[in-house]
């Protein structure tokens, strides 16, 4: 059974930083061979793509986070990361790790940015 377990969320002030992690495990699931992504969903809003990273390491970041967030991965640790800097109140959301092509999702980690 594949598991994606996020961690690293929390409460931070505007301008602060957080680093989210997503540990993958189970059924020979390796992030090195998959496109992995971070999504987020704020209350009353649709889920949106934050960033993705291909198996080869190419990345794409949403315009709303470009220059502030960085997606990365450690294939040896089978772990996906999202470094979030210069956080804004509008970044407040539940953040989800996913292997979208395989429809695997984590349970989410809450990020709350206070003014």
Protein backbone atom coordinates (compact mmCIF):
# COMPACT_ATOMS: atom_id res chain seq x y z
CA UNK A 1 0.00 0.00 0.00
CA UNK A 2 1.39 3.37 -1.02
CA UNK A 3 1.58 6.09 1.61
CA UNK A 4 2.42 9.75 1.20
CA UNK A 5 2.87 11.42 4.57
CA UNK A 6 3.25 15.18 4.77
CA UNK A 7 4.81 17.07 7.66
CA UNK A 8 6.22 20.49 8.43
CA UNK A 9 3.10 22.61 8.40
CA UNK A 10 2.24 25.05 11.15
CA UNK A 11 1.53 28.62 12.13
CA UNK A 12 3.93 31.31 10.94
CA UNK A 13 3.88 35.08 10.64
CA UNK A 14 3.85 36.96 7.37
CA UNK A 15 7.30 36.91 5.82
CA UNK A 16 8.29 33.72 7.57
CA UNK A 17 9.38 30.38 6.18
CA UNK A 18 8.35 26.75 6.41
CA UNK A 19 9.65 23.57 4.83
CA UNK A 20 7.14 20.87 4.02
CA UNK A 21 8.20 17.26 3.62
CA UNK A 22 6.40 14.32 2.03
CA UNK A 23 7.73 10.87 2.81
CA UNK A 24 6.72 8.19 0.32
CA UNK A 25 6.57 4.49 1.14
CA UNK A 26 5.03 1.19 0.17
CA UNK A 27 4.61 -1.16 -2.79
CA UNK A 28 7.94 -0.29 -4.38
CA UNK A 29 6.78 3.29 -4.86
CA UNK A 30 9.74 5.43 -5.77
CA UNK A 31 9.47 9.15 -6.40
CA UNK A 32 12.52 9.02 -8.65
CA UNK A 33 10.43 7.55 -11.45
CA UNK A 34 7.35 9.71 -11.05
CA UNK A 35 6.19 13.27 -11.41
CA UNK A 36 5.40 14.53 -7.93
CA UNK A 37 3.48 17.62 -6.97
CA UNK A 38 2.30 19.87 -4.18
CA UNK A 39 -1.27 21.15 -4.19
CA UNK A 40 -3.10 23.37 -1.75
CA UNK A 41 -6.69 24.09 -0.87
CA UNK A 42 -7.88 27.10 1.09
CA UNK A 43 -11.29 27.17 2.79
CA UNK A 44 -14.04 27.78 0.25
CA UNK A 45 -11.66 27.51 -2.69
CA UNK A 46 -10.78 24.84 -5.20
CA UNK A 47 -7.63 22.80 -4.90
CA UNK A 48 -4.81 24.34 -6.91
CA UNK A 49 -1.42 23.19 -8.13
CA UNK A 50 1.47 24.82 -6.27
CA UNK A 51 4.41 23.11 -7.97
CA UNK A 52 5.51 19.90 -9.58
CA UNK A 53 8.78 18.14 -10.25
CA UNK A 54 9.30 15.57 -12.96
CA UNK A 55 11.18 12.31 -12.63
CA UNK A 56 14.12 14.04 -14.31
CA UNK A 57 14.03 16.99 -11.94
CA UNK A 58 12.35 19.62 -14.11
CA UNK A 59 10.15 21.89 -12.05
CA UNK A 60 7.18 24.18 -12.52
CA UNK A 61 5.85 26.61 -9.93
CA UNK A 62 2.52 28.42 -9.98
CA UNK A 63 2.81 32.13 -10.72
CA UNK A 64 1.45 32.92 -7.27
CA UNK A 65 4.42 31.27 -5.56
CA UNK A 66 7.17 31.71 -8.13
CA UNK A 67 10.30 33.15 -6.56
CA UNK A 68 9.10 32.32 -3.05
CA UNK A 69 8.52 28.55 -3.04
CA UNK A 70 10.85 25.83 -4.27
CA UNK A 71 9.96 22.19 -4.88
CA UNK A 72 12.70 19.61 -4.58
CA UNK A 73 13.21 15.95 -3.87
CA UNK A 74 15.69 13.55 -2.37
CA UNK A 75 15.44 10.30 -4.30
CA UNK A 76 17.63 8.44 -1.83
CA UNK A 77 15.23 9.34 0.99
CA UNK A 78 12.16 8.92 -1.23
CA UNK A 79 11.03 12.31 0.04
CA UNK A 80 9.54 15.38 -1.61
CA UNK A 81 10.01 18.89 -0.21
CA UNK A 82 8.48 22.33 -0.54
CA UNK A 83 10.54 25.23 0.78
CA UNK A 84 8.25 28.19 1.38
CA UNK A 85 9.76 31.61 1.98
CA UNK A 86 8.27 35.10 2.26
CA UNK A 87 4.94 33.59 3.24
CA UNK A 88 1.79 35.64 2.81
CA UNK A 89 -1.61 35.42 4.47
CA UNK A 90 -3.03 34.19 1.17
CA UNK A 91 -0.74 31.14 1.35
CA UNK A 92 -2.88 29.82 4.21
CA UNK A 93 -4.26 26.44 3.12
CA UNK A 94 -4.06 22.71 3.52
CA UNK A 95 -1.08 21.50 1.53
CA UNK A 96 -1.13 18.09 -0.15
CA UNK A 97 1.60 15.97 -1.63
CA UNK A 98 0.59 13.90 -4.66
CA UNK A 99 1.68 11.62 -7.43
CA UNK A 100 -1.10 12.88 -9.66
CA UNK A 101 -0.68 10.45 -12.54
CA UNK A 102 -1.12 7.56 -10.13
CA UNK A 103 -3.85 9.26 -8.09
CA UNK A 104 -1.90 8.91 -4.85
CA UNK A 105 -2.44 11.69 -2.32
CA UNK A 106 -1.29 12.44 1.17
CA UNK A 107 -3.56 13.45 4.02
CA UNK A 108 -2.39 17.05 3.99
CA UNK A 109 -0.61 19.41 6.35
CA UNK A 110 -2.05 22.75 7.44
CA UNK A 111 -0.16 25.96 6.82
CA UNK A 112 -1.48 29.09 8.49
CA UNK A 113 0.10 32.48 7.91
CA UNK A 114 -0.87 35.25 10.31
CA UNK A 115 -0.55 38.98 9.70
